[in-house]
């Protein structure tokens, strides 16, 4: 969270773009993991 909050302070445009891409990849994987967990919990709950 801190990285996103301070992203605007990064002067180098290439570096900012690289950080942004890494954050988007992380967010994608985090969302995917949460969906897998959600599906698993629904299965064991019998829903």
Protein backbone atom coordinates (compact mmCIF):
# COMPACT_ATOMS: atom_id res chain seq x y z
CA UNK A 1 0.00 0.00 0.00
CA UNK A 2 2.84 2.34 0.79
CA UNK A 3 4.35 1.85 -2.66
CA UNK A 4 1.15 2.95 -4.38
CA UNK A 5 0.77 5.92 -2.05
CA UNK A 6 4.25 7.20 -2.88
CA UNK A 7 4.30 6.29 -6.58
CA UNK A 8 3.74 9.91 -7.57
CA UNK A 9 7.07 10.81 -5.95
CA UNK A 10 9.08 8.61 -8.34
CA UNK A 11 10.63 11.02 -10.83
CA UNK A 12 11.85 8.51 -13.42
CA UNK A 13 8.97 7.76 -15.77
CA UNK A 14 10.32 4.31 -16.72
CA UNK A 15 10.72 3.33 -13.09
CA UNK A 16 7.20 4.56 -12.28
CA UNK A 17 5.83 2.51 -15.17
CA UNK A 18 7.75 -0.57 -13.99
CA UNK A 19 6.44 -0.20 -10.43
CA UNK A 20 2.89 0.33 -11.66
CA UNK A 21 3.06 -2.83 -13.79
CA UNK A 22 4.37 -4.82 -10.83
CA UNK A 23 1.55 -3.52 -8.63
CA UNK A 24 -1.06 -4.47 -11.22
CA UNK A 25 0.41 -7.97 -11.50
CA UNK A 26 0.39 -8.30 -7.70
CA UNK A 27 -3.23 -7.12 -7.55
CA UNK A 28 -4.23 -9.65 -10.20
CA UNK A 29 -2.59 -12.51 -8.32
CA UNK A 30 -4.05 -11.35 -5.00
CA UNK A 31 -7.55 -11.24 -6.47
CA UNK A 32 -7.07 -14.66 -8.04
CA UNK A 33 -5.97 -16.11 -4.69
CA UNK A 34 -8.95 -14.59 -2.90
CA UNK A 35 -11.33 -16.06 -5.47
CA UNK A 36 -9.74 -19.49 -5.04
CA UNK A 37 -10.14 -19.19 -1.28
CA UNK A 38 -13.76 -18.06 -1.67
CA UNK A 39 -14.57 -21.05 -3.90
CA UNK A 40 -12.88 -23.43 -1.49
CA UNK A 41 -14.77 -22.06 1.51
CA UNK A 42 -18.07 -22.32 -0.37
CA UNK A 43 -17.29 -25.94 -1.18
CA UNK A 44 -16.57 -26.93 2.39
CA UNK A 45 -19.57 -24.98 3.65
CA UNK A 46 -21.79 -26.94 1.29
CA UNK A 47 -23.21 -23.95 -0.56
